[in-house]
Amino acid sequence: MLESSSISRANSAASLTKTPHLSAADQALIDAAWSQHAKAVPAAASDPFAALTVDDWRTVAQVLDVPRQVVTALRERQVSR
């Protein structure tokens, strides 16, 4: 005898294998939504530290009162969360 959870799993699996056919209007709505979403994605951010010189990094270390190795690790992205 099948349990109700087995029947439920079988029905769920069967529904996942069916490919629904979209109307042209539905497909147009999906395409428009994807287009709008693509426009909302932010562009890649520039590296705010790229223009800093060695002297700038030295100043950063002094202002933060940390060893220069710490800011070097930050610059080289060796520090993670």
C-alpha atoms as a PDB file:
ATOM      1  CA  MET A   1       0.000   0.000   0.000  1.00  0.00           C
ATOM      2  CA  LEU A   2       1.362   3.427  -0.958  1.00  0.00           C
ATOM      3  CA  GLU A   3       1.669   6.139   1.624  1.00  0.00           C
ATOM      4  CA  SER A   4       0.325   9.600   0.889  1.00  0.00           C
ATOM      5  CA  SER A   5       3.874  11.051   0.923  1.00  0.00           C
ATOM      6  CA  SER A   6       4.947   8.562  -1.791  1.00  0.00           C
ATOM      7  CA  ILE A   7       1.961   9.518  -3.920  1.00  0.00           C
ATOM      8  CA  SER A   8       2.715  13.202  -3.383  1.00  0.00           C
ATOM      9  CA  ARG A   9       6.352  12.714  -4.460  1.00  0.00           C
ATOM     10  CA  ALA A  10       5.263  10.794  -7.533  1.00  0.00           C
ATOM     11  CA  ASN A  11       2.806  13.526  -8.509  1.00  0.00           C
ATOM     12  CA  SER A  12       5.435  16.228  -7.958  1.00  0.00           C
ATOM     13  CA  ALA A  13       7.986  14.377 -10.079  1.00  0.00           C
ATOM     14  CA  ALA A  14       5.438  13.898 -12.841  1.00  0.00           C
ATOM     15  CA  SER A  15       4.523  17.577 -12.850  1.00  0.00           C
ATOM     16  CA  LEU A  16       8.191  18.574 -13.152  1.00  0.00           C
ATOM     17  CA  THR A  17       8.679  16.494 -16.272  1.00  0.00           C
ATOM     18  CA  LYS A  18       5.807  18.163 -18.129  1.00  0.00           C
ATOM     19  CA  THR A  19       6.920  21.047 -20.326  1.00  0.00           C
ATOM     20  CA  PRO A  20       4.352  23.833 -20.240  1.00  0.00           C
ATOM     21  CA  HIS A  21       3.800  25.673 -23.490  1.00  0.00           C
ATOM     22  CA  LEU A  22       3.682  29.433 -23.215  1.00  0.00           C
ATOM     23  CA  SER A  23       1.517  31.627 -25.338  1.00  0.00           C
ATOM     24  CA  ALA A  24       3.201  34.250 -27.479  1.00  0.00           C
ATOM     25  CA  ALA A  25       1.861  36.932 -25.125  1.00  0.00           C
ATOM     26  CA  ASP A  26       3.336  35.162 -22.076  1.00  0.00           C
ATOM     27  CA  GLN A  27       6.694  34.737 -23.803  1.00  0.00           C
ATOM     28  CA  ALA A  28       6.678  38.429 -24.748  1.00  0.00           C
ATOM     29  CA  LEU A  29       6.045  39.368 -21.107  1.00  0.00           C
ATOM     30  CA  ILE A  30       8.918  37.167 -19.956  1.00  0.00           C
ATOM     31  CA  ASP A  31      11.242  38.617 -22.595  1.00  0.00           C
ATOM     32  CA  ALA A  32      10.297  42.165 -21.583  1.00  0.00           C
ATOM     33  CA  ALA A  33      10.925  41.352 -17.912  1.00  0.00           C
ATOM     34  CA  TRP A  34      14.363  39.881 -18.688  1.00  0.00           C
ATOM     35  CA  SER A  35      15.211  42.929 -20.760  1.00  0.00           C
ATOM     36  CA  GLN A  36      14.221  45.236 -17.908  1.00  0.00           C
ATOM     37  CA  HIS A  37      16.191  43.113 -15.443  1.00  0.00           C
ATOM     38  CA  ALA A  38      19.311  43.226 -17.650  1.00  0.00           C
ATOM     39  CA  LYS A  39      19.170  47.032 -17.700  1.00  0.00           C
ATOM     40  CA  ALA A  40      18.958  47.131 -13.881  1.00  0.00           C
ATOM     41  CA  VAL A  41      22.112  45.079 -13.309  1.00  0.00           C
ATOM     42  CA  PRO A  42      24.846  47.438 -12.121  1.00  0.00           C
ATOM     43  CA  ALA A  43      28.000  47.838 -14.156  1.00  0.00           C
ATOM     44  CA  ALA A  44      31.274  46.551 -12.771  1.00  0.00           C
ATOM     45  CA  ALA A  45      32.692  48.884 -10.154  1.00  0.00           C
ATOM     46  CA  SER A  46      36.082  50.434 -10.675  1.00  0.00           C
ATOM     47  CA  ASP A  47      38.898  49.717  -8.241  1.00  0.00           C
ATOM     48  CA  PRO A  48      39.114  52.742  -5.914  1.00  0.00           C
ATOM     49  CA  PHE A  49      42.638  51.736  -4.846  1.00  0.00           C
ATOM     50  CA  ALA A  50      44.139  51.365  -8.322  1.00  0.00           C
ATOM     51  CA  ALA A  51      45.406  54.941  -8.464  1.00  0.00           C
ATOM     52  CA  LEU A  52      47.129  54.884  -5.064  1.00  0.00           C
ATOM     53  CA  THR A  53      50.910  55.151  -5.076  1.00  0.00           C
ATOM     54  CA  VAL A  54      53.321  53.493  -2.640  1.00  0.00           C
ATOM     55  CA  ASP A  55      53.434  56.743  -0.666  1.00  0.00           C
ATOM     56  CA  ASP A  56      49.616  56.791  -0.563  1.00  0.00           C
ATOM     57  CA  TRP A  57      49.571  53.248   0.833  1.00  0.00           C
ATOM     58  CA  ARG A  58      52.183  54.238   3.404  1.00  0.00           C
ATOM     59  CA  THR A  59      49.961  57.140   4.466  1.00  0.00           C
ATOM     60  CA  VAL A  60      46.946  54.825   4.707  1.00  0.00           C
ATOM     61  CA  ALA A  61      48.920  52.519   7.009  1.00  0.00           C
ATOM     62  CA  GLN A  62      49.981  55.458   9.170  1.00  0.00           C
ATOM     63  CA  VAL A  63      46.482  56.931   9.391  1.00  0.00           C
ATOM     64  CA  LEU A  64      44.975  53.547  10.284  1.00  0.00           C
ATOM     65  CA  ASP A  65      47.885  52.862  12.653  1.00  0.00           C
ATOM     66  CA  VAL A  66      48.479  49.400  11.214  1.00  0.00           C
ATOM     67  CA  PRO A  67      51.599  47.773   9.769  1.00  0.00           C
ATOM     68  CA  ARG A  68      52.165  48.287   6.042  1.00  0.00           C
ATOM     69  CA  GLN A  69      51.799  44.533   5.570  1.00  0.00           C
ATOM     70  CA  VAL A  70      48.126  44.875   6.507  1.00  0.00           C
ATOM     71  CA  VAL A  71      47.385  47.424   3.788  1.00  0.00           C
ATOM     72  CA  THR A  72      49.519  45.433   1.337  1.00  0.00           C
ATOM     73  CA  ALA A  73      47.369  42.374   2.064  1.00  0.00           C
ATOM     74  CA  LEU A  74      44.258  44.490   1.492  1.00  0.00           C
ATOM     75  CA  ARG A  75      45.653  45.849  -1.772  1.00  0.00           C
ATOM     76  CA  GLU A  76      46.511  42.356  -3.004  1.00  0.00           C
ATOM     77  CA  ARG A  77      43.095  41.086  -1.908  1.00  0.00           C
ATOM     78  CA  GLN A  78      44.567  38.515   0.453  1.00  0.00           C
ATOM     79  CA  VAL A  79      42.129  39.482   3.181  1.00  0.00           C
ATOM     80  CA  SER A  80      38.706  37.876   3.157  1.00  0.00           C
ATOM     81  CA  ARG A  81      35.720  38.212   5.431  1.00  0.00           C
END
